[in-house]
Amino acid sequence: MESLWVIALVYPVVIAALFYFAFLRPVQQERKKQKRQLESLRVGDEVLTQSGFIAVVKDVRIPEEPGPTEVILDLGGIEVRAVASAIVERLSAAEAPNDEAANKRQTPDGSVGLEARG
């Protein structure tokens, strides 16, 4: 009779652990991967957007205050402004810059700051 109580208590814990490893953990890992990719975006990267557009990153604007990071994308002659979270994946990285000027990013107030790499 006591073994039934143990099974009754262990069963929900096992189901919760299986649910976590089957559903929640893969979603969390994908979000972390996408966040790392967005943080490493550079001018010249070729990206795929959620709407299916393949574009080249022209500029990355990181706001000083909390808010979404904006990306200026070139769609083959048409420049569009998008939220960085609309980028699904980086298709090809830009060539590694040789000088420090290529690592600079423009802030929303128009000043230029060095890209943070981490």
C-alpha atoms as a PDB file:
ATOM      1  CA  MET A   1       0.000   0.000   0.000  1.00  0.00           C
ATOM      2  CA  GLU A   2       2.848   2.391   0.773  1.00  0.00           C
ATOM      3  CA  SER A   3       4.426   1.765  -2.614  1.00  0.00           C
ATOM      4  CA  LEU A   4       1.286   3.176  -4.259  1.00  0.00           C
ATOM      5  CA  TRP A   5       1.826   6.484  -2.443  1.00  0.00           C
ATOM      6  CA  VAL A   6       5.431   6.614  -3.618  1.00  0.00           C
ATOM      7  CA  ILE A   7       4.379   5.935  -7.194  1.00  0.00           C
ATOM      8  CA  ALA A   8       1.594   8.518  -6.896  1.00  0.00           C
ATOM      9  CA  LEU A   9       4.125  11.134  -5.761  1.00  0.00           C
ATOM     10  CA  VAL A  10       6.932  10.224  -8.177  1.00  0.00           C
ATOM     11  CA  TYR A  11       4.769   9.921 -11.293  1.00  0.00           C
ATOM     12  CA  PRO A  12       3.898  13.658 -11.595  1.00  0.00           C
ATOM     13  CA  VAL A  13       7.540  14.600 -10.998  1.00  0.00           C
ATOM     14  CA  VAL A  14       8.675  12.269 -13.797  1.00  0.00           C
ATOM     15  CA  ILE A  15       6.003  13.657 -16.155  1.00  0.00           C
ATOM     16  CA  ALA A  16       7.059  17.241 -15.334  1.00  0.00           C
ATOM     17  CA  ALA A  17      10.732  16.414 -15.971  1.00  0.00           C
ATOM     18  CA  LEU A  18       9.909  14.763 -19.305  1.00  0.00           C
ATOM     19  CA  PHE A  19       7.793  17.779 -20.298  1.00  0.00           C
ATOM     20  CA  TYR A  20      10.653  20.126 -19.428  1.00  0.00           C
ATOM     21  CA  PHE A  21      13.285  18.200 -21.397  1.00  0.00           C
ATOM     22  CA  ALA A  22      10.994  17.507 -24.369  1.00  0.00           C
ATOM     23  CA  PHE A  23       9.379  20.934 -24.790  1.00  0.00           C
ATOM     24  CA  LEU A  24      10.659  23.776 -22.617  1.00  0.00           C
ATOM     25  CA  ARG A  25      14.425  23.236 -22.735  1.00  0.00           C
ATOM     26  CA  PRO A  26      14.718  23.134 -26.555  1.00  0.00           C
ATOM     27  CA  VAL A  27      12.727  26.380 -26.828  1.00  0.00           C
ATOM     28  CA  GLN A  28      14.974  28.067 -24.248  1.00  0.00           C
ATOM     29  CA  GLN A  29      18.108  26.896 -26.065  1.00  0.00           C
ATOM     30  CA  GLU A  30      16.789  28.204 -29.400  1.00  0.00           C
ATOM     31  CA  ARG A  31      16.021  31.596 -27.837  1.00  0.00           C
ATOM     32  CA  LYS A  32      19.545  31.799 -26.373  1.00  0.00           C
ATOM     33  CA  LYS A  33      21.034  30.895 -29.759  1.00  0.00           C
ATOM     34  CA  GLN A  34      18.967  33.560 -31.530  1.00  0.00           C
ATOM     35  CA  LYS A  35      19.912  36.155 -28.891  1.00  0.00           C
ATOM     36  CA  ARG A  36      23.633  35.380 -29.371  1.00  0.00           C
ATOM     37  CA  GLN A  37      23.246  35.720 -33.136  1.00  0.00           C
ATOM     38  CA  LEU A  38      21.483  39.080 -32.775  1.00  0.00           C
ATOM     39  CA  GLU A  39      24.186  40.356 -30.435  1.00  0.00           C
ATOM     40  CA  SER A  40      26.868  39.412 -32.950  1.00  0.00           C
ATOM     41  CA  LEU A  41      25.222  41.061 -35.976  1.00  0.00           C
ATOM     42  CA  ARG A  42      27.609  43.180 -38.013  1.00  0.00           C
ATOM     43  CA  VAL A  43      27.281  45.463 -40.999  1.00  0.00           C
ATOM     44  CA  GLY A  44      27.520  43.372 -44.150  1.00  0.00           C
ATOM     45  CA  ASP A  45      25.967  40.195 -42.707  1.00  0.00           C
ATOM     46  CA  GLU A  46      23.403  38.485 -44.932  1.00  0.00           C
ATOM     47  CA  VAL A  47      20.300  37.619 -42.907  1.00  0.00           C
ATOM     48  CA  LEU A  48      16.910  35.952 -43.270  1.00  0.00           C
ATOM     49  CA  THR A  49      13.913  37.788 -41.784  1.00  0.00           C
ATOM     50  CA  GLN A  50      10.713  36.325 -40.375  1.00  0.00           C
ATOM     51  CA  SER A  51       8.863  37.508 -43.471  1.00  0.00           C
ATOM     52  CA  GLY A  52      11.196  35.500 -45.695  1.00  0.00           C
ATOM     53  CA  PHE A  53      13.293  38.382 -47.033  1.00  0.00           C
ATOM     54  CA  ILE A  54      17.004  37.833 -47.553  1.00  0.00           C
ATOM     55  CA  ALA A  55      18.771  41.091 -46.825  1.00  0.00           C
ATOM     56  CA  VAL A  56      22.157  42.614 -46.036  1.00  0.00           C
ATOM     57  CA  VAL A  57      22.646  44.501 -42.762  1.00  0.00           C
ATOM     58  CA  LYS A  58      23.533  48.140 -43.501  1.00  0.00           C
ATOM     59  CA  ASP A  59      23.425  49.520 -39.949  1.00  0.00           C
ATOM     60  CA  VAL A  60      22.695  48.375 -36.395  1.00  0.00           C
ATOM     61  CA  ARG A  61      21.268  50.953 -33.985  1.00  0.00           C
ATOM     62  CA  ILE A  62      21.418  50.079 -30.306  1.00  0.00           C
ATOM     63  CA  PRO A  63      19.217  52.368 -28.173  1.00  0.00           C
ATOM     64  CA  GLU A  64      20.695  54.069 -25.134  1.00  0.00           C
ATOM     65  CA  GLU A  65      17.487  53.473 -23.186  1.00  0.00           C
ATOM     66  CA  PRO A  66      15.870  50.044 -22.925  1.00  0.00           C
ATOM     67  CA  GLY A  67      14.095  49.266 -26.143  1.00  0.00           C
ATOM     68  CA  PRO A  68      14.347  47.205 -29.301  1.00  0.00           C
ATOM     69  CA  THR A  69      17.526  47.237 -31.342  1.00  0.00           C
ATOM     70  CA  GLU A  70      16.895  48.562 -34.852  1.00  0.00           C
ATOM     71  CA  VAL A  71      18.530  47.206 -37.965  1.00  0.00           C
ATOM     72  CA  ILE A  72      18.704  48.903 -41.361  1.00  0.00           C
ATOM     73  CA  LEU A  73      18.451  46.220 -44.049  1.00  0.00           C
ATOM     74  CA  ASP A  74      19.222  46.428 -47.765  1.00  0.00           C
ATOM     75  CA  LEU A  75      16.804  44.370 -49.843  1.00  0.00           C
ATOM     76  CA  GLY A  76      18.655  44.791 -53.116  1.00  0.00           C
ATOM     77  CA  GLY A  77      18.360  48.535 -53.508  1.00  0.00           C
ATOM     78  CA  ILE A  78      15.527  49.118 -51.049  1.00  0.00           C
ATOM     79  CA  GLU A  79      16.501  50.027 -47.501  1.00  0.00           C
ATOM     80  CA  VAL A  80      14.083  49.093 -44.722  1.00  0.00           C
ATOM     81  CA  ARG A  81      14.164  49.641 -40.980  1.00  0.00           C
ATOM     82  CA  ALA A  82      13.358  46.584 -38.862  1.00  0.00           C
ATOM     83  CA  VAL A  83      13.479  45.400 -35.286  1.00  0.00           C
ATOM     84  CA  ALA A  84      16.437  43.083 -34.742  1.00  0.00           C
ATOM     85  CA  SER A  85      14.198  40.353 -33.338  1.00  0.00           C
ATOM     86  CA  ALA A  86      12.621  40.029 -36.824  1.00  0.00           C
ATOM     87  CA  ILE A  87      15.858  38.408 -37.988  1.00  0.00           C
ATOM     88  CA  VAL A  88      15.557  34.634 -37.913  1.00  0.00           C
ATOM     89  CA  GLU A  89      19.129  33.685 -38.768  1.00  0.00           C
ATOM     90  CA  ARG A  90      22.378  34.899 -40.242  1.00  0.00           C
ATOM     91  CA  LEU A  91      22.958  33.269 -43.616  1.00  0.00           C
ATOM     92  CA  SER A  92      26.509  34.458 -44.141  1.00  0.00           C
ATOM     93  CA  ALA A  93      28.773  36.596 -42.018  1.00  0.00           C
ATOM     94  CA  ALA A  94      30.505  39.682 -43.304  1.00  0.00           C
ATOM     95  CA  GLU A  95      34.219  39.434 -43.924  1.00  0.00           C
ATOM     96  CA  ALA A  96      36.311  40.098 -40.838  1.00  0.00           C
ATOM     97  CA  PRO A  97      37.143  43.792 -40.649  1.00  0.00           C
ATOM     98  CA  ASN A  98      40.811  44.761 -40.832  1.00  0.00           C
ATOM     99  CA  ASP A  99      40.550  48.119 -39.146  1.00  0.00           C
ATOM    100  CA  GLU A 100      38.814  49.544 -36.109  1.00  0.00           C
ATOM    101  CA  ALA A 101      36.560  51.796 -38.211  1.00  0.00           C
ATOM    102  CA  ALA A 102      34.656  48.779 -39.502  1.00  0.00           C
ATOM    103  CA  ASN A 103      33.789  47.765 -35.926  1.00  0.00           C
ATOM    104  CA  LYS A 104      31.955  51.015 -35.165  1.00  0.00           C
ATOM    105  CA  ARG A 105      28.209  51.176 -34.664  1.00  0.00           C
ATOM    106  CA  GLN A 106      26.011  54.247 -34.779  1.00  0.00           C
ATOM    107  CA  THR A 107      24.005  55.090 -31.644  1.00  0.00           C
ATOM    108  CA  PRO A 108      20.489  56.589 -31.865  1.00  0.00           C
ATOM    109  CA  ASP A 109      21.743  60.120 -31.185  1.00  0.00           C
ATOM    110  CA  GLY A 110      23.943  59.912 -34.289  1.00  0.00           C
ATOM    111  CA  SER A 111      27.259  59.458 -32.510  1.00  0.00           C
ATOM    112  CA  VAL A 112      29.457  56.519 -33.358  1.00  0.00           C
ATOM    113  CA  GLY A 113      30.613  54.025 -30.744  1.00  0.00           C
ATOM    114  CA  LEU A 114      32.692  50.877 -30.864  1.00  0.00           C
ATOM    115  CA  GLU A 115      30.855  47.609 -31.229  1.00  0.00           C
ATOM    116  CA  ALA A 116      30.732  45.616 -28.015  1.00  0.00           C
ATOM    117  CA  ARG A 117      31.901  42.070 -28.455  1.00  0.00           C
ATOM    118  CA  GLY A 118      31.499  39.497 -25.800  1.00  0.00           C
END
